[in-house]
N, C-alpha and C. Protein backbone atom coordinates (compact mmCIF):
# COMPACT_ATOMS: atom_id res chain seq x y z
N UNK A 1 -7.42 3.25 14.89
CA UNK A 1 -7.57 2.64 13.59
C UNK A 1 -7.00 3.53 12.50
N UNK A 2 -6.95 2.98 11.34
CA UNK A 2 -6.45 3.68 10.16
C UNK A 2 -7.60 3.80 9.16
N UNK A 3 -7.83 5.00 8.67
CA UNK A 3 -8.89 5.21 7.70
C UNK A 3 -8.53 4.51 6.39
N UNK A 4 -9.46 3.77 5.78
CA UNK A 4 -9.17 3.06 4.52
C UNK A 4 -8.68 3.98 3.40
N UNK A 5 -9.12 5.23 3.38
CA UNK A 5 -8.66 6.15 2.34
C UNK A 5 -7.16 6.41 2.44
N UNK A 6 -6.62 6.41 3.65
CA UNK A 6 -5.18 6.58 3.82
C UNK A 6 -4.42 5.41 3.20
N UNK A 7 -4.91 4.20 3.41
CA UNK A 7 -4.27 3.03 2.82
C UNK A 7 -4.39 3.04 1.30
N UNK A 8 -5.55 3.42 0.78
CA UNK A 8 -5.72 3.49 -0.67
C UNK A 8 -4.79 4.53 -1.27
N UNK A 9 -4.60 5.65 -0.58
CA UNK A 9 -3.68 6.68 -1.06
C UNK A 9 -2.24 6.19 -1.02
N UNK A 10 -1.87 5.50 0.04
CA UNK A 10 -0.51 4.96 0.16
C UNK A 10 -0.23 3.96 -0.95
N UNK A 11 -1.22 3.16 -1.30
CA UNK A 11 -1.05 2.15 -2.36
C UNK A 11 -1.28 2.74 -3.74
N UNK A 12 -1.76 3.98 -3.82
CA UNK A 12 -2.11 4.58 -5.10
C UNK A 12 -0.95 4.73 -6.06
N UNK A 13 0.27 4.76 -5.56
CA UNK A 13 1.41 4.89 -6.46
C UNK A 13 1.64 3.63 -7.28
N UNK A 14 0.89 2.57 -7.01
CA UNK A 14 0.98 1.36 -7.82
C UNK A 14 0.36 1.54 -9.19
N UNK A 15 -0.58 2.47 -9.30
CA UNK A 15 -1.31 2.64 -10.55
C UNK A 15 -0.33 2.99 -11.65
N UNK A 16 -0.33 2.21 -12.71
CA UNK A 16 0.55 2.43 -13.84
C UNK A 16 1.91 1.77 -13.73
N UNK A 17 2.23 1.13 -12.60
CA UNK A 17 3.54 0.50 -12.44
C UNK A 17 3.48 -1.02 -12.42
N UNK A 18 2.29 -1.57 -12.49
CA UNK A 18 2.15 -3.02 -12.45
C UNK A 18 2.06 -3.57 -13.86
N UNK A 19 1.28 -2.95 -14.68
CA UNK A 19 1.11 -3.35 -16.07
C UNK A 19 0.54 -2.15 -16.81
N UNK A 20 0.11 -2.38 -18.03
CA UNK A 20 -0.49 -1.28 -18.78
C UNK A 20 -1.94 -1.04 -18.37
N UNK A 21 -2.46 -1.86 -17.47
CA UNK A 21 -3.82 -1.70 -16.94
C UNK A 21 -3.76 -1.16 -15.52
N UNK A 22 -4.68 -0.28 -15.15
CA UNK A 22 -4.68 0.23 -13.77
C UNK A 22 -5.01 -0.87 -12.76
N UNK A 23 -4.37 -0.84 -11.63
CA UNK A 23 -4.68 -1.75 -10.52
C UNK A 23 -5.05 -0.90 -9.31
N UNK A 24 -6.12 -1.28 -8.65
CA UNK A 24 -6.57 -0.60 -7.44
C UNK A 24 -6.64 -1.61 -6.31
N UNK A 25 -6.42 -1.19 -5.07
CA UNK A 25 -6.52 -2.11 -3.95
C UNK A 25 -7.93 -2.70 -3.86
N UNK A 26 -7.99 -4.02 -3.70
CA UNK A 26 -9.27 -4.70 -3.56
C UNK A 26 -9.50 -5.10 -2.10
N UNK A 27 -8.41 -5.50 -1.43
CA UNK A 27 -8.52 -5.88 -0.03
C UNK A 27 -7.13 -5.79 0.60
N UNK A 28 -7.14 -5.81 1.93
CA UNK A 28 -5.89 -5.80 2.70
C UNK A 28 -5.89 -7.05 3.56
N UNK A 29 -4.83 -7.85 3.43
CA UNK A 29 -4.74 -9.11 4.18
C UNK A 29 -4.66 -8.87 5.68
N UNK A 30 -3.77 -7.98 6.08
CA UNK A 30 -3.70 -7.59 7.49
C UNK A 30 -3.04 -6.22 7.61
N UNK A 31 -3.33 -5.54 8.71
CA UNK A 31 -2.81 -4.20 8.96
C UNK A 31 -2.22 -4.20 10.36
N UNK A 32 -0.99 -3.72 10.48
CA UNK A 32 -0.33 -3.58 11.78
C UNK A 32 0.01 -2.12 11.98
N UNK A 33 -0.43 -1.54 13.08
CA UNK A 33 -0.13 -0.14 13.40
C UNK A 33 0.83 -0.15 14.59
N UNK A 34 2.03 0.42 14.39
CA UNK A 34 3.06 0.42 15.43
C UNK A 34 3.02 1.66 16.31
N UNK A 35 2.54 2.78 15.77
CA UNK A 35 2.48 4.04 16.52
C UNK A 35 1.54 4.98 15.78
N UNK A 36 1.14 6.08 16.42
CA UNK A 36 0.27 7.06 15.75
C UNK A 36 0.92 7.61 14.48
N UNK A 37 0.10 7.93 13.49
CA UNK A 37 0.59 8.46 12.22
C UNK A 37 1.07 9.90 12.40
N UNK A 38 2.25 10.23 11.85
CA UNK A 38 2.70 11.62 11.87
C UNK A 38 1.94 12.43 10.81
N UNK A 39 2.17 13.73 10.80
CA UNK A 39 1.49 14.60 9.84
C UNK A 39 1.93 14.33 8.41
N UNK A 40 3.20 13.94 8.22
CA UNK A 40 3.72 13.65 6.87
C UNK A 40 4.15 12.20 6.82
N UNK A 41 3.71 11.50 5.79
CA UNK A 41 4.06 10.09 5.64
C UNK A 41 4.54 9.82 4.21
N UNK A 42 5.13 8.65 4.04
CA UNK A 42 5.48 8.15 2.71
C UNK A 42 5.19 6.66 2.71
N UNK A 43 5.07 6.09 1.53
CA UNK A 43 4.81 4.66 1.47
C UNK A 43 5.93 3.96 0.71
N UNK A 44 6.28 2.78 1.18
CA UNK A 44 7.26 1.91 0.52
C UNK A 44 6.49 0.67 0.11
N UNK A 45 6.55 0.35 -1.18
CA UNK A 45 5.75 -0.74 -1.72
C UNK A 45 6.68 -1.81 -2.28
N UNK A 46 6.44 -3.05 -1.85
CA UNK A 46 7.25 -4.19 -2.27
C UNK A 46 6.33 -5.22 -2.90
N UNK A 47 6.62 -5.61 -4.13
CA UNK A 47 5.81 -6.64 -4.79
C UNK A 47 6.15 -7.98 -4.16
N UNK A 48 5.13 -8.67 -3.67
CA UNK A 48 5.32 -9.97 -3.04
C UNK A 48 5.31 -11.10 -4.04
N UNK A 49 4.23 -11.23 -4.77
CA UNK A 49 4.10 -12.32 -5.74
C UNK A 49 2.85 -12.10 -6.56
N UNK A 50 2.76 -12.81 -7.67
CA UNK A 50 1.50 -12.73 -8.42
C UNK A 50 0.39 -13.39 -7.62
N UNK A 51 -0.78 -12.86 -7.73
CA UNK A 51 -1.94 -13.47 -7.06
C UNK A 51 -2.66 -14.39 -8.02
N UNK A 52 -3.83 -14.80 -7.63
CA UNK A 52 -4.63 -15.63 -8.51
C UNK A 52 -5.28 -14.75 -9.57
N UNK A 53 -5.54 -15.33 -10.72
CA UNK A 53 -6.17 -14.61 -11.83
C UNK A 53 -5.33 -13.39 -12.20
N UNK A 54 -5.95 -12.22 -12.21
CA UNK A 54 -5.22 -11.01 -12.62
C UNK A 54 -4.78 -10.17 -11.43
N UNK A 55 -4.86 -10.72 -10.22
CA UNK A 55 -4.46 -9.94 -9.04
C UNK A 55 -2.95 -10.00 -8.81
N UNK A 56 -2.45 -9.02 -8.11
CA UNK A 56 -1.04 -8.93 -7.77
C UNK A 56 -0.96 -8.61 -6.28
N UNK A 57 0.01 -9.20 -5.57
CA UNK A 57 0.13 -9.00 -4.12
C UNK A 57 1.31 -8.08 -3.80
N UNK A 58 1.09 -7.14 -2.90
CA UNK A 58 2.11 -6.19 -2.48
C UNK A 58 2.10 -6.03 -0.97
N UNK A 59 3.24 -5.67 -0.42
CA UNK A 59 3.34 -5.19 0.95
C UNK A 59 3.45 -3.67 0.85
N UNK A 60 2.62 -2.96 1.59
CA UNK A 60 2.64 -1.50 1.61
C UNK A 60 3.03 -1.07 3.02
N UNK A 61 4.17 -0.40 3.13
CA UNK A 61 4.67 0.08 4.42
C UNK A 61 4.47 1.59 4.46
N UNK A 62 3.68 2.07 5.40
CA UNK A 62 3.47 3.50 5.58
C UNK A 62 4.46 3.95 6.65
N UNK A 63 5.31 4.92 6.29
CA UNK A 63 6.42 5.33 7.17
C UNK A 63 6.43 6.85 7.35
N UNK A 64 7.17 7.29 8.37
CA UNK A 64 7.38 8.73 8.51
C UNK A 64 8.48 9.16 7.55
N UNK A 65 8.84 10.43 7.58
CA UNK A 65 9.83 10.97 6.64
C UNK A 65 11.21 10.34 6.78
N UNK A 66 11.48 9.71 7.92
CA UNK A 66 12.78 9.11 8.17
C UNK A 66 12.79 7.61 7.91
N UNK A 67 11.69 7.06 7.44
CA UNK A 67 11.61 5.64 7.14
C UNK A 67 11.24 4.77 8.32
N UNK A 68 10.79 5.37 9.40
CA UNK A 68 10.38 4.60 10.59
C UNK A 68 8.90 4.26 10.51
């Protein structure tokens, strides 16, 4: 499994880039783990669409240093 704090940290770079208000992860629709996590990771975040009300939807890809 993946610890929720790791996902929150990966998505943390969204803070300040969505609007002038902070956004924090509220839930994750689904999580797919392809292989064990390396010691160093990076996240790639893609805005999917606006959500309902004031929510915003993103895809968060946690990758190794080479983008895998």
